[in-house]
Amino acid sequence: MAVRHVVFVQEQHVPAELEMDDQDEHCVHAVAYDDRNTPVGTGRLLPNAHIGRMAVLAAHRRDGVGSRLLNALVNEARRRHYLEVVLSAQLHALDFYARHGFVAEGEVYLDAGIQHVTMRHALTA
C-alpha cells in the first residue's frame, strides 16, 4: 500500500479514495523488495484476470522491477488457467506492456484524470 500511495497519490495526484478500493482482499499481490527488505514495487491480479495497480518507486524504475512483477502476475494467471490477462495501461507505459506481449485495443480513456488504454495478452501453457 505504501508503494501505491507514493506512486499514485503523491506522484500522479490520484485521489486516495480512488486508489483504495474493496478489491485488494480478493487479489493476488506481487511485491518486489530491495536488499533492505523494503517494498519498492507492486501489482495485483484480480479474480477476473485483470492486472492492476502496477507501481514501482521512482528510484527503482528501469531496474527490471516492473518486468519481474508483471511476469509473476502473468505466470500466476497461467497457473490459474486464465486464457488471457487484461490491464488498463497508462499511455506512457504502452511500450513497456507491449514488450511483454500485451496488445492495445480500443480508444484512449480517462481513469482518475490519467489517459489509459485497454491492453490484452493471450496466455498459453
C-alpha atoms as a PDB file:
ATOM      1  CA  MET A   1       0.000   0.000   0.000  1.00  0.00           C
ATOM      2  CA  ALA A   2       2.867   2.376   0.745  1.00  0.00           C
ATOM      3  CA  VAL A   3       4.298   1.975  -2.765  1.00  0.00           C
ATOM      4  CA  ARG A   4       0.908   2.586  -4.352  1.00  0.00           C
ATOM      5  CA  HIS A   5       0.362   5.647  -2.205  1.00  0.00           C
ATOM      6  CA  VAL A   6       3.689   7.186  -3.233  1.00  0.00           C
ATOM      7  CA  VAL A   7       3.278   6.422  -6.952  1.00  0.00           C
ATOM      8  CA  PHE A   8      -0.412   7.031  -7.492  1.00  0.00           C
ATOM      9  CA  VAL A   9      -1.465   9.515  -4.815  1.00  0.00           C
ATOM     10  CA  GLN A  10       1.699  11.562  -4.339  1.00  0.00           C
ATOM     11  CA  GLU A  11       3.327  11.423  -7.796  1.00  0.00           C
ATOM     12  CA  GLN A  12       0.293  11.155 -10.055  1.00  0.00           C
ATOM     13  CA  HIS A  13      -2.191  13.019  -7.836  1.00  0.00           C
ATOM     14  CA  VAL A  14      -4.819  10.277  -7.908  1.00  0.00           C
ATOM     15  CA  PRO A  15      -7.284  10.923  -5.082  1.00  0.00           C
ATOM     16  CA  ALA A  16      -6.634   8.449  -2.254  1.00  0.00           C
ATOM     17  CA  GLU A  17     -10.288   7.386  -2.248  1.00  0.00           C
ATOM     18  CA  LEU A  18      -9.950   6.287  -5.888  1.00  0.00           C
ATOM     19  CA  GLU A  19      -6.674   4.467  -5.323  1.00  0.00           C
ATOM     20  CA  MET A  20      -8.004   2.406  -2.435  1.00  0.00           C
ATOM     21  CA  ASP A  21     -10.827   0.053  -3.307  1.00  0.00           C
ATOM     22  CA  ASP A  22     -12.544  -3.038  -1.965  1.00  0.00           C
ATOM     23  CA  GLN A  23     -10.817  -5.380  -4.437  1.00  0.00           C
ATOM     24  CA  ASP A  24      -7.460  -5.857  -2.668  1.00  0.00           C
ATOM     25  CA  GLU A  25      -8.699  -8.609  -0.387  1.00  0.00           C
ATOM     26  CA  HIS A  26      -9.733 -10.658  -3.443  1.00  0.00           C
ATOM     27  CA  CYS A  27      -6.462 -10.242  -5.370  1.00  0.00           C
ATOM     28  CA  VAL A  28      -3.153 -11.995  -5.646  1.00  0.00           C
ATOM     29  CA  HIS A  29      -0.492  -9.388  -4.890  1.00  0.00           C
ATOM     30  CA  ALA A  30       3.077  -9.334  -6.155  1.00  0.00           C
ATOM     31  CA  VAL A  31       5.548  -7.247  -4.175  1.00  0.00           C
ATOM     32  CA  ALA A  32       9.197  -6.531  -5.001  1.00  0.00           C
ATOM     33  CA  TYR A  33      11.656  -5.764  -2.210  1.00  0.00           C
ATOM     34  CA  ASP A  34      15.069  -4.120  -2.212  1.00  0.00           C
ATOM     35  CA  ASP A  35      18.117  -5.532  -0.434  1.00  0.00           C
ATOM     36  CA  ARG A  36      16.929  -3.974   2.857  1.00  0.00           C
ATOM     37  CA  ASN A  37      13.599  -5.814   2.566  1.00  0.00           C
ATOM     38  CA  THR A  38      11.740  -2.574   1.819  1.00  0.00           C
ATOM     39  CA  PRO A  39       8.879  -2.775  -0.716  1.00  0.00           C
ATOM     40  CA  VAL A  40       9.799  -0.976  -3.958  1.00  0.00           C
ATOM     41  CA  GLY A  41       7.162  -2.246  -6.381  1.00  0.00           C
ATOM     42  CA  THR A  42       3.794  -3.943  -6.502  1.00  0.00           C
ATOM     43  CA  GLY A  43       0.976  -5.143  -8.715  1.00  0.00           C
ATOM     44  CA  ARG A  44      -2.151  -7.239  -8.347  1.00  0.00           C
ATOM     45  CA  LEU A  45      -4.133  -9.872 -10.209  1.00  0.00           C
ATOM     46  CA  LEU A  46      -7.887  -9.720  -9.787  1.00  0.00           C
ATOM     47  CA  PRO A  47     -10.117 -12.807  -9.970  1.00  0.00           C
ATOM     48  CA  ASN A  48     -11.419 -11.577 -13.352  1.00  0.00           C
ATOM     49  CA  ALA A  49      -7.898 -11.855 -14.861  1.00  0.00           C
ATOM     50  CA  HIS A  50      -7.293  -8.107 -14.725  1.00  0.00           C
ATOM     51  CA  ILE A  51      -3.801  -6.969 -13.757  1.00  0.00           C
ATOM     52  CA  GLY A  52      -3.750  -3.647 -11.999  1.00  0.00           C
ATOM     53  CA  ARG A  53      -2.127  -1.245  -9.589  1.00  0.00           C
ATOM     54  CA  MET A  54       1.316  -1.813 -11.118  1.00  0.00           C
ATOM     55  CA  ALA A  55       3.623   0.639  -9.345  1.00  0.00           C
ATOM     56  CA  VAL A  56       7.388   0.932  -8.879  1.00  0.00           C
ATOM     57  CA  LEU A  57       9.106   3.600  -6.802  1.00  0.00           C
ATOM     58  CA  ALA A  58      10.972   6.117  -8.955  1.00  0.00           C
ATOM     59  CA  ALA A  59      14.424   5.138  -7.671  1.00  0.00           C
ATOM     60  CA  HIS A  60      13.864   1.546  -8.831  1.00  0.00           C
ATOM     61  CA  ARG A  61      12.396   2.161 -12.273  1.00  0.00           C
ATOM     62  CA  ARG A  62      14.463   0.919 -15.199  1.00  0.00           C
ATOM     63  CA  ASP A  63      15.954  -1.802 -12.947  1.00  0.00           C
ATOM     64  CA  GLY A  64      13.666  -4.567 -14.195  1.00  0.00           C
ATOM     65  CA  VAL A  65      11.398  -4.461 -11.143  1.00  0.00           C
ATOM     66  CA  GLY A  66       8.258  -3.829 -13.187  1.00  0.00           C
ATOM     67  CA  SER A  67       9.104  -6.643 -15.599  1.00  0.00           C
ATOM     68  CA  ARG A  68       9.610  -9.112 -12.769  1.00  0.00           C
ATOM     69  CA  LEU A  69       6.341  -8.090 -11.137  1.00  0.00           C
ATOM     70  CA  LEU A  70       4.416  -8.307 -14.395  1.00  0.00           C
ATOM     71  CA  ASN A  71       5.927 -11.693 -15.233  1.00  0.00           C
ATOM     72  CA  ALA A  72       5.000 -13.008 -11.781  1.00  0.00           C
ATOM     73  CA  LEU A  73       1.393 -11.881 -12.213  1.00  0.00           C
ATOM     74  CA  VAL A  74       1.131 -13.315 -15.740  1.00  0.00           C
ATOM     75  CA  ASN A  75       2.597 -16.604 -14.519  1.00  0.00           C
ATOM     76  CA  GLU A  76       0.068 -16.704 -11.686  1.00  0.00           C
ATOM     77  CA  ALA A  77      -2.707 -16.144 -14.238  1.00  0.00           C
ATOM     78  CA  ARG A  78      -1.348 -19.096 -16.244  1.00  0.00           C
ATOM     79  CA  ARG A  79      -1.235 -21.225 -13.076  1.00  0.00           C
ATOM     80  CA  ARG A  80      -4.904 -20.377 -12.586  1.00  0.00           C
ATOM     81  CA  HIS A  81      -5.598 -21.418 -16.202  1.00  0.00           C
ATOM     82  CA  TYR A  82      -6.786 -17.990 -17.297  1.00  0.00           C
ATOM     83  CA  LEU A  83      -6.973 -17.734 -21.080  1.00  0.00           C
ATOM     84  CA  GLU A  84      -5.861 -14.099 -21.121  1.00  0.00           C
ATOM     85  CA  VAL A  85      -4.991 -11.191 -18.883  1.00  0.00           C
ATOM     86  CA  VAL A  86      -6.227  -7.633 -19.332  1.00  0.00           C
ATOM     87  CA  LEU A  87      -4.963  -4.351 -17.963  1.00  0.00           C
ATOM     88  CA  SER A  88      -5.549  -0.627 -18.191  1.00  0.00           C
ATOM     89  CA  ALA A  89      -2.245   0.904 -19.245  1.00  0.00           C
ATOM     90  CA  GLN A  90      -1.308   4.499 -18.735  1.00  0.00           C
ATOM     91  CA  LEU A  91      -0.203   5.849 -22.105  1.00  0.00           C
ATOM     92  CA  HIS A  92       3.402   6.355 -21.015  1.00  0.00           C
ATOM     93  CA  ALA A  93       3.612   2.620 -20.219  1.00  0.00           C
ATOM     94  CA  LEU A  94       2.276   1.249 -23.531  1.00  0.00           C
ATOM     95  CA  ASP A  95       5.703   0.245 -24.841  1.00  0.00           C
ATOM     96  CA  PHE A  96       6.558  -1.499 -21.557  1.00  0.00           C
ATOM     97  CA  TYR A  97       3.442  -3.680 -21.735  1.00  0.00           C
ATOM     98  CA  ALA A  98       3.820  -4.265 -25.485  1.00  0.00           C
ATOM     99  CA  ARG A  99       7.311  -5.663 -24.853  1.00  0.00           C
ATOM    100  CA  HIS A 100       5.637  -8.203 -22.561  1.00  0.00           C
ATOM    101  CA  GLY A 101       3.137  -9.390 -25.156  1.00  0.00           C
ATOM    102  CA  PHE A 102       0.206  -7.088 -24.443  1.00  0.00           C
ATOM    103  CA  VAL A 103      -1.755  -5.620 -27.341  1.00  0.00           C
ATOM    104  CA  ALA A 104      -3.644  -2.326 -27.144  1.00  0.00           C
ATOM    105  CA  GLU A 105      -7.296  -2.207 -28.106  1.00  0.00           C
ATOM    106  CA  GLY A 106      -9.976   0.430 -28.237  1.00  0.00           C
ATOM    107  CA  GLU A 107      -9.868   4.123 -27.616  1.00  0.00           C
ATOM    108  CA  VAL A 108      -7.936   6.136 -25.073  1.00  0.00           C
ATOM    109  CA  TYR A 109      -9.995   6.925 -21.971  1.00  0.00           C
ATOM    110  CA  LEU A 110      -9.529   8.792 -18.713  1.00  0.00           C
ATOM    111  CA  ASP A 111      -9.232   6.999 -15.393  1.00  0.00           C
ATOM    112  CA  ALA A 112      -8.600   9.228 -12.376  1.00  0.00           C
ATOM    113  CA  GLY A 113      -7.783  12.001 -14.839  1.00  0.00           C
ATOM    114  CA  ILE A 114      -4.988   9.982 -16.499  1.00  0.00           C
ATOM    115  CA  GLN A 115      -5.099   8.713 -20.080  1.00  0.00           C
ATOM    116  CA  HIS A 116      -5.287   4.906 -20.344  1.00  0.00           C
ATOM    117  CA  VAL A 117      -5.857   2.253 -22.972  1.00  0.00           C
ATOM    118  CA  THR A 118      -7.008  -1.344 -22.523  1.00  0.00           C
ATOM    119  CA  MET A 119      -4.392  -3.987 -23.308  1.00  0.00           C
ATOM    120  CA  ARG A 120      -4.771  -7.781 -23.566  1.00  0.00           C
ATOM    121  CA  HIS A 121      -2.352 -10.659 -23.524  1.00  0.00           C
ATOM    122  CA  ALA A 122      -3.469 -14.147 -24.606  1.00  0.00           C
ATOM    123  CA  LEU A 123      -1.930 -16.863 -22.448  1.00  0.00           C
ATOM    124  CA  THR A 124      -0.534 -20.248 -23.324  1.00  0.00           C
ATOM    125  CA  ALA A 125       0.613 -23.052 -21.073  1.00  0.00           C
END
